[in-house]
Amino acid sequence: MKLFLIVALFIYCVNGDEYISDGLQPLTDEIVNAINALNTTWKAGKSFGGSSSVEIDTLVPTQEKYSAKADFPMRKYGSFRLPVNFDSSRVWLNCTSIGKIYDQTKGYPSWIYTAVGTIADRLCIRHGIQIDVEATVKKMAEWNVGSNSYNNSANIGQAFQYWSKNGIFAVELTKESSCLPFSQKCQPNEIKITKYFKLKNECIDNETELMKSITLFGSVSAYMEVYSDFLNYRSGVYKRSSKNYLGVQNMKIIGWGTEKGVDYWLAAGSWGTQWGEEGFFRIQRQPQQFGAVPNPIATEFLPVNDVKDIHSYVHGQLFYLAK
């Protein structure tokens, strides 16, 4: 009886939904027990071995830092039948970047893994080009993404705006770079350009169109508000049970499904494989679960075969081919 009363103190109801107490700290036994006591659609655990400082520090604390201009057109796809369950990493097995989990606790922000990873997935699916995401992220980070940089944000929209204006290059690394800033003038013989692409970005404003985009082209980049309970996610279909807002995170949505009557999105995080379902998570397929954030962003590529007139580029445009 005493145990029941203690657990009950952690929980209260608002508008028919159950929430844990605001005072519970992430990745503690207390918050894990409170979440699991709700007997909801997912299970909590201490995914990061009890340390929460690094993970919380990787979140962007205010909406001001990630609000993007709504200048991407909305995309409407044609009508076709959608499956009940879809996992793009299983559909396109040769595109290994789709099912790869990266670890932003190395010091790189979530937007760079999400944006680079989404482009890598879609380049592979539509054009058969395999990108080394880790190498690309590392080079971009050395160029213009320090831990205190303006670019250390959750603003995938800002990244896609830049690439839609300047384009991207698929390149082969011929030797290690030792010169920054990186440019043709600085190191003309260290890379070999294989392809140049122009980008077309679009926002997606409903779940049916999002499913269609993933079915046709692969992963989609998305924003998500993070609350204290989410850090403790271990398995199942996540449904928010906390009001303690921590910040914003970017992730790739790679599919969807239904479990025990609950519809969900399948997403790839960037906190390593020790978190969640080996780095992946499933979140209830309802708009409010992502919070008050911009719409997911999809991108398509227009290959430009004649690259002889390309005279300048920066490291933020270079996507390194997998060896």
Protein backbone atom coordinates (compact mmCIF):
# COMPACT_ATOMS: atom_id res chain seq x y z
CA MET A 1 0.00 0.00 0.00
CA LYS A 2 2.81 2.42 0.88
CA LEU A 3 4.60 1.69 -2.42
CA PHE A 4 1.40 2.41 -4.34
CA LEU A 5 0.99 5.76 -2.59
CA ILE A 6 4.60 6.75 -3.30
CA VAL A 7 4.28 5.93 -6.99
CA ALA A 8 0.94 7.71 -7.17
CA LEU A 9 2.58 10.92 -5.99
CA PHE A 10 4.67 10.91 -9.17
CA ILE A 11 1.63 10.79 -11.42
CA TYR A 12 -1.28 13.10 -12.14
CA CYS A 13 -3.92 13.45 -14.86
CA VAL A 14 -4.45 16.40 -17.18
CA ASN A 15 -7.24 16.37 -19.79
CA GLY A 16 -7.48 12.62 -19.54
CA ASP A 17 -3.75 12.00 -20.15
CA GLU A 18 -1.40 10.84 -17.42
CA TYR A 19 1.83 12.71 -16.72
CA ILE A 20 4.69 12.14 -14.32
CA SER A 21 5.76 14.79 -11.83
CA ASP A 22 7.72 17.77 -13.22
CA GLY A 23 10.28 17.40 -10.44
CA LEU A 24 11.62 14.02 -11.53
CA GLN A 25 15.11 14.14 -13.04
CA PRO A 26 15.89 12.30 -16.31
CA LEU A 27 17.71 8.95 -16.15
CA THR A 28 17.06 8.28 -12.50
CA ASP A 29 15.39 5.28 -10.89
CA GLU A 30 12.57 7.54 -9.74
CA ILE A 31 11.55 8.73 -13.22
CA VAL A 32 11.95 5.24 -14.70
CA ASN A 33 9.67 3.77 -12.03
CA ALA A 34 7.11 6.55 -12.47
CA ILE A 35 6.94 6.09 -16.26
CA ASN A 36 6.64 2.33 -16.04
CA ALA A 37 3.95 2.64 -13.37
CA LEU A 38 1.74 4.34 -15.97
CA ASN A 39 1.64 1.01 -17.84
CA THR A 40 1.54 2.93 -21.11
CA THR A 41 2.62 1.86 -24.62
CA TRP A 42 6.38 1.99 -23.90
CA LYS A 43 8.98 1.05 -21.32
CA ALA A 44 11.57 3.27 -19.66
CA GLY A 45 15.11 2.50 -18.55
CA LYS A 46 18.40 4.19 -17.72
CA SER A 47 19.71 4.07 -21.28
CA PHE A 48 22.81 6.18 -20.73
CA GLY A 49 24.15 4.36 -17.72
CA GLY A 50 22.84 6.97 -15.30
CA SER A 51 24.61 10.03 -16.80
CA SER A 52 22.36 12.68 -18.33
CA SER A 53 24.55 15.80 -18.60
CA VAL A 54 26.01 15.18 -22.06
CA GLU A 55 22.74 14.11 -23.63
CA ILE A 56 20.73 17.05 -22.29
CA ASP A 57 23.46 19.45 -23.38
CA THR A 58 23.03 18.27 -26.99
CA LEU A 59 19.44 19.55 -27.08
CA VAL A 60 18.60 23.06 -28.26
CA PRO A 61 16.85 24.70 -25.31
CA THR A 62 14.73 27.35 -27.05
CA GLN A 63 12.42 27.43 -30.04
CA GLU A 64 14.10 30.64 -31.19
CA LYS A 65 17.16 28.66 -32.32
CA TYR A 66 15.32 26.26 -34.58
CA SER A 67 12.37 28.22 -35.97
CA ALA A 68 12.91 28.28 -39.73
CA LYS A 69 11.31 30.35 -42.45
CA ALA A 70 8.32 28.60 -43.97
CA ASP A 71 9.67 29.00 -47.50
CA PHE A 72 9.69 25.35 -48.59
CA PRO A 73 6.64 24.48 -50.70
CA MET A 74 4.23 21.84 -49.43
CA ARG A 75 4.40 18.56 -51.32
CA LYS A 76 1.39 16.57 -52.49
CA TYR A 77 2.03 13.14 -54.00
CA GLY A 78 -0.27 11.12 -56.21
CA SER A 79 -2.68 8.54 -54.87
CA PHE A 80 -1.43 4.99 -54.25
CA ARG A 81 -1.93 2.19 -51.74
CA LEU A 82 0.25 2.29 -48.63
CA PRO A 83 1.27 -0.78 -46.59
CA VAL A 84 0.33 -1.12 -42.92
CA ASN A 85 4.01 -1.48 -41.95
CA PHE A 86 7.03 -0.06 -43.74
CA ASP A 87 10.72 0.03 -42.82
CA SER A 88 12.91 1.63 -45.49
CA SER A 89 16.06 0.02 -44.04
CA ARG A 90 14.55 -3.39 -44.88
CA VAL A 91 13.23 -2.36 -48.28
CA TRP A 92 16.56 -0.94 -49.50
CA LEU A 93 19.01 -3.34 -47.86
CA ASN A 94 21.90 -2.16 -50.05
CA CYS A 95 21.58 1.38 -48.65
CA THR A 96 23.22 0.70 -45.30
CA SER A 97 23.15 4.34 -44.20
CA ILE A 98 19.39 4.05 -43.58
CA GLY A 99 19.81 1.54 -40.77
CA LYS A 100 23.01 3.00 -39.30
CA ILE A 101 22.83 4.72 -35.91
CA TYR A 102 25.27 7.54 -35.17
CA ASP A 103 26.33 9.06 -31.86
CA GLN A 104 26.11 12.82 -31.44
CA THR A 105 27.64 12.61 -27.97
CA LYS A 106 30.95 12.79 -29.84
CA GLY A 107 30.25 16.51 -29.99
CA TYR A 108 28.37 16.98 -33.26
CA PRO A 109 24.78 18.31 -33.22
CA SER A 110 21.72 16.28 -34.20
CA TRP A 111 20.97 18.32 -37.32
CA ILE A 112 24.17 17.31 -39.06
CA TYR A 113 23.64 13.56 -38.58
CA THR A 114 19.98 13.90 -39.55
CA ALA A 115 20.51 16.08 -42.61
CA VAL A 116 23.61 14.31 -43.94
CA GLY A 117 22.07 10.92 -43.16
CA THR A 118 18.83 11.74 -44.98
CA ILE A 119 20.71 12.93 -48.05
CA ALA A 120 22.90 9.81 -47.96
CA ASP A 121 19.81 7.58 -47.79
CA ARG A 122 18.06 9.30 -50.66
CA LEU A 123 21.16 9.51 -52.86
CA CYS A 124 21.59 5.76 -52.48
CA ILE A 125 17.93 4.93 -53.12
CA ARG A 126 17.46 7.13 -56.17
CA HIS A 127 20.96 7.32 -57.66
CA GLY A 128 22.87 4.32 -56.30
CA ILE A 129 25.49 6.51 -54.60
CA GLN A 130 26.86 5.29 -51.24
CA ILE A 131 27.91 8.12 -48.90
CA ASP A 132 30.17 7.71 -45.86
CA VAL A 133 28.09 9.66 -43.34
CA GLU A 134 30.67 9.61 -40.52
CA ALA A 135 33.46 10.91 -42.76
CA THR A 136 31.20 13.59 -44.22
CA VAL A 137 30.02 14.75 -40.81
CA LYS A 138 33.58 14.85 -39.49
CA LYS A 139 34.83 16.95 -42.42
CA MET A 140 31.88 19.35 -42.22
CA ALA A 141 32.34 19.68 -38.47
CA GLU A 142 36.04 20.51 -38.86
CA TRP A 143 35.10 23.15 -41.38
CA ASN A 144 32.32 25.03 -39.69
CA VAL A 145 30.65 23.21 -36.79
CA GLY A 146 32.34 23.61 -33.44
CA SER A 147 30.61 22.86 -30.16
CA ASN A 148 29.99 26.59 -29.67
CA SER A 149 29.26 27.34 -33.31
CA TYR A 150 26.12 29.06 -34.53
CA ASN A 151 25.52 25.88 -36.52
CA ASN A 152 25.36 23.78 -33.34
CA SER A 153 21.58 23.79 -33.47
CA ALA A 154 18.58 21.65 -34.27
CA ASN A 155 17.91 23.60 -37.45
CA ILE A 156 17.83 21.09 -40.29
CA GLY A 157 15.87 23.70 -42.26
CA GLN A 158 18.87 26.01 -42.22
CA ALA A 159 21.09 23.26 -43.62
CA PHE A 160 18.68 22.32 -46.40
CA GLN A 161 18.23 25.98 -47.33
CA TYR A 162 22.00 26.27 -47.76
CA TRP A 163 22.24 23.14 -49.92
CA SER A 164 19.28 24.12 -52.09
CA LYS A 165 21.04 27.41 -52.83
CA ASN A 166 24.55 26.01 -53.38
CA GLY A 167 24.12 22.35 -54.30
CA ILE A 168 26.13 19.37 -53.08
CA PHE A 169 29.03 17.32 -54.45
CA ALA A 170 29.59 13.59 -54.20
CA VAL A 171 33.37 13.37 -53.89
CA GLU A 172 36.10 10.80 -53.56
CA LEU A 173 38.84 11.52 -51.02
CA THR A 174 42.24 10.92 -52.59
CA LYS A 175 44.30 11.86 -49.51
CA GLU A 176 43.78 13.43 -46.09
CA SER A 177 43.25 17.16 -46.01
CA SER A 178 45.65 19.29 -44.00
CA CYS A 179 44.46 22.72 -45.09
CA LEU A 180 41.51 24.76 -43.82
CA PRO A 181 39.43 26.50 -45.00
CA PHE A 182 38.88 23.84 -47.63
CA SER A 183 38.60 25.10 -51.20
CA GLN A 184 39.88 24.27 -54.65
CA LYS A 185 42.59 26.88 -54.19
CA CYS A 186 43.66 25.34 -50.87
CA GLN A 187 43.75 21.64 -51.73
CA PRO A 188 43.01 21.05 -55.42
CA ASN A 189 44.27 17.45 -55.49
CA GLU A 190 42.78 15.98 -52.32
CA ILE A 191 39.32 15.22 -53.67
CA LYS A 192 37.83 14.03 -56.91
CA ILE A 193 34.35 15.27 -57.78
CA THR A 194 32.15 12.50 -59.15
CA LYS A 195 28.70 14.12 -59.15
CA TYR A 196 27.09 17.48 -58.55
CA PHE A 197 23.43 17.77 -57.49
CA LYS A 198 20.97 20.58 -57.15
CA LEU A 199 18.44 20.13 -54.34
CA LYS A 200 14.71 20.71 -54.23
CA ASN A 201 13.29 20.87 -50.71
CA GLU A 202 9.68 20.47 -49.67
CA CYS A 203 7.70 20.44 -46.42
CA ILE A 204 5.22 17.69 -45.65
CA ASP A 205 2.11 18.65 -43.71
CA ASN A 206 0.25 15.40 -43.05
CA GLU A 207 1.03 11.77 -42.27
CA THR A 208 -0.29 10.32 -45.55
CA GLU A 209 2.01 12.52 -47.63
CA LEU A 210 4.89 11.69 -45.28
CA MET A 211 4.31 7.98 -45.83
CA LYS A 212 4.21 8.46 -49.58
CA SER A 213 7.47 10.40 -49.56
CA ILE A 214 9.24 7.69 -47.55
CA THR A 215 7.80 4.96 -49.79
CA LEU A 216 9.01 6.67 -52.97
CA PHE A 217 12.27 8.31 -51.92
CA GLY A 218 13.32 7.15 -48.44
CA SER A 219 14.06 8.85 -45.11
CA VAL A 220 12.64 12.25 -44.15
CA SER A 221 14.24 14.76 -41.77
CA ALA A 222 12.11 15.95 -38.86
CA TYR A 223 12.12 18.08 -35.72
CA MET A 224 10.94 16.88 -32.32
CA GLU A 225 10.43 18.56 -28.97
CA VAL A 226 12.08 16.49 -26.24
CA TYR A 227 10.73 16.11 -22.72
CA SER A 228 12.43 14.52 -19.73
CA ASP A 229 10.70 11.17 -20.14
CA PHE A 230 12.02 10.65 -23.69
CA LEU A 231 15.64 10.33 -22.55
CA ASN A 232 14.56 7.21 -20.66
CA TYR A 233 12.95 5.50 -23.67
CA ARG A 234 13.91 1.83 -23.99
CA SER A 235 11.24 0.08 -26.07
CA GLY A 236 7.69 0.21 -27.34
CA VAL A 237 5.69 3.06 -28.87
CA TYR A 238 6.60 6.33 -27.17
CA LYS A 239 3.78 8.58 -25.99
CA ARG A 240 4.75 11.67 -24.04
CA SER A 241 4.15 11.44 -20.30
CA SER A 242 6.13 14.47 -19.09
CA LYS A 243 5.62 18.23 -19.11
CA ASN A 244 9.29 18.94 -18.37
CA TYR A 245 10.51 20.43 -21.68
CA LEU A 246 14.25 20.04 -22.37
CA GLY A 247 14.78 21.18 -25.96
CA VAL A 248 14.62 20.19 -29.61
CA GLN A 249 16.19 17.26 -31.44
CA ASN A 250 16.39 16.28 -35.12
CA MET A 251 15.88 12.72 -36.33
CA LYS A 252 15.20 10.65 -39.45
CA ILE A 253 11.78 9.12 -39.95
CA ILE A 254 12.41 5.89 -41.87
CA GLY A 255 9.07 4.10 -41.69
CA TRP A 256 5.88 3.37 -39.80
CA GLY A 257 3.75 0.57 -38.42
CA THR A 258 1.08 -0.55 -35.97
CA GLU A 259 1.59 -2.44 -32.71
CA LYS A 260 -1.33 -3.68 -30.60
CA GLY A 261 -3.63 -1.20 -32.29
CA VAL A 262 -1.28 1.78 -31.78
CA ASP A 263 0.00 3.50 -34.94
CA TYR A 264 3.60 4.70 -34.85
CA TRP A 265 6.45 6.28 -36.79
CA LEU A 266 9.77 4.44 -36.91
CA ALA A 267 12.68 6.86 -36.43
CA ALA A 268 16.46 6.76 -36.15
CA GLY A 269 18.00 8.73 -33.31
CA SER A 270 21.59 9.90 -32.97
CA TRP A 271 22.45 8.94 -29.38
CA GLY A 272 24.24 5.70 -30.18
CA THR A 273 23.00 2.12 -30.07
CA GLN A 274 22.86 1.93 -26.26
CA TRP A 275 19.79 4.19 -26.26
CA GLY A 276 16.28 3.07 -27.18
CA GLU A 277 15.73 0.08 -29.46
CA GLU A 278 19.40 -0.16 -30.49
CA GLY A 279 19.33 3.55 -31.37
CA PHE A 280 15.90 3.55 -33.02
CA PHE A 281 12.60 4.54 -31.50
CA ARG A 282 8.93 4.32 -32.29
CA ILE A 283 6.66 7.26 -31.54
CA GLN A 284 2.89 7.42 -31.59
CA ARG A 285 1.60 8.60 -34.95
CA GLN A 286 -0.08 11.77 -33.77
CA PRO A 287 1.03 15.32 -34.71
CA GLN A 288 1.12 16.54 -31.10
CA GLN A 289 3.74 13.92 -30.20
CA PHE A 290 6.39 15.91 -32.10
CA GLY A 291 5.38 19.18 -30.43
CA ALA A 292 5.08 22.69 -31.85
CA VAL A 293 7.86 22.35 -34.43
CA PRO A 294 8.25 22.99 -38.18
CA ASN A 295 7.02 20.38 -40.66
CA PRO A 296 9.25 17.46 -41.73
CA ILE A 297 11.50 18.22 -44.71
CA ALA A 298 11.90 16.05 -47.80
CA THR A 299 14.44 16.64 -50.55
CA GLU A 300 14.94 15.52 -54.13
CA PHE A 301 18.03 15.73 -56.33
CA LEU A 302 18.67 16.99 -59.82
CA PRO A 303 22.00 15.61 -61.09
CA VAL A 304 24.15 18.04 -63.08
CA ASN A 305 26.47 15.93 -65.20
CA ASP A 306 28.71 18.70 -66.50
CA VAL A 307 30.81 19.86 -63.53
CA LYS A 308 33.69 21.41 -65.49
CA ASP A 309 32.30 24.90 -64.88
CA ILE A 310 32.22 24.45 -61.10
CA HIS A 311 35.07 26.66 -59.91
CA SER A 312 34.53 26.90 -56.18
CA TYR A 313 33.05 24.98 -53.29
CA VAL A 314 33.31 24.73 -49.52
CA HIS A 315 33.45 21.72 -47.25
CA GLY A 316 29.79 22.12 -46.33
CA GLN A 317 28.91 20.98 -49.86
CA LEU A 318 31.07 17.85 -49.95
CA PHE A 319 29.60 14.40 -49.35
CA TYR A 320 32.28 11.71 -49.26
CA LEU A 321 31.77 8.43 -51.07
CA ALA A 322 31.97 5.24 -49.04
CA LYS A 323 35.17 3.31 -49.75
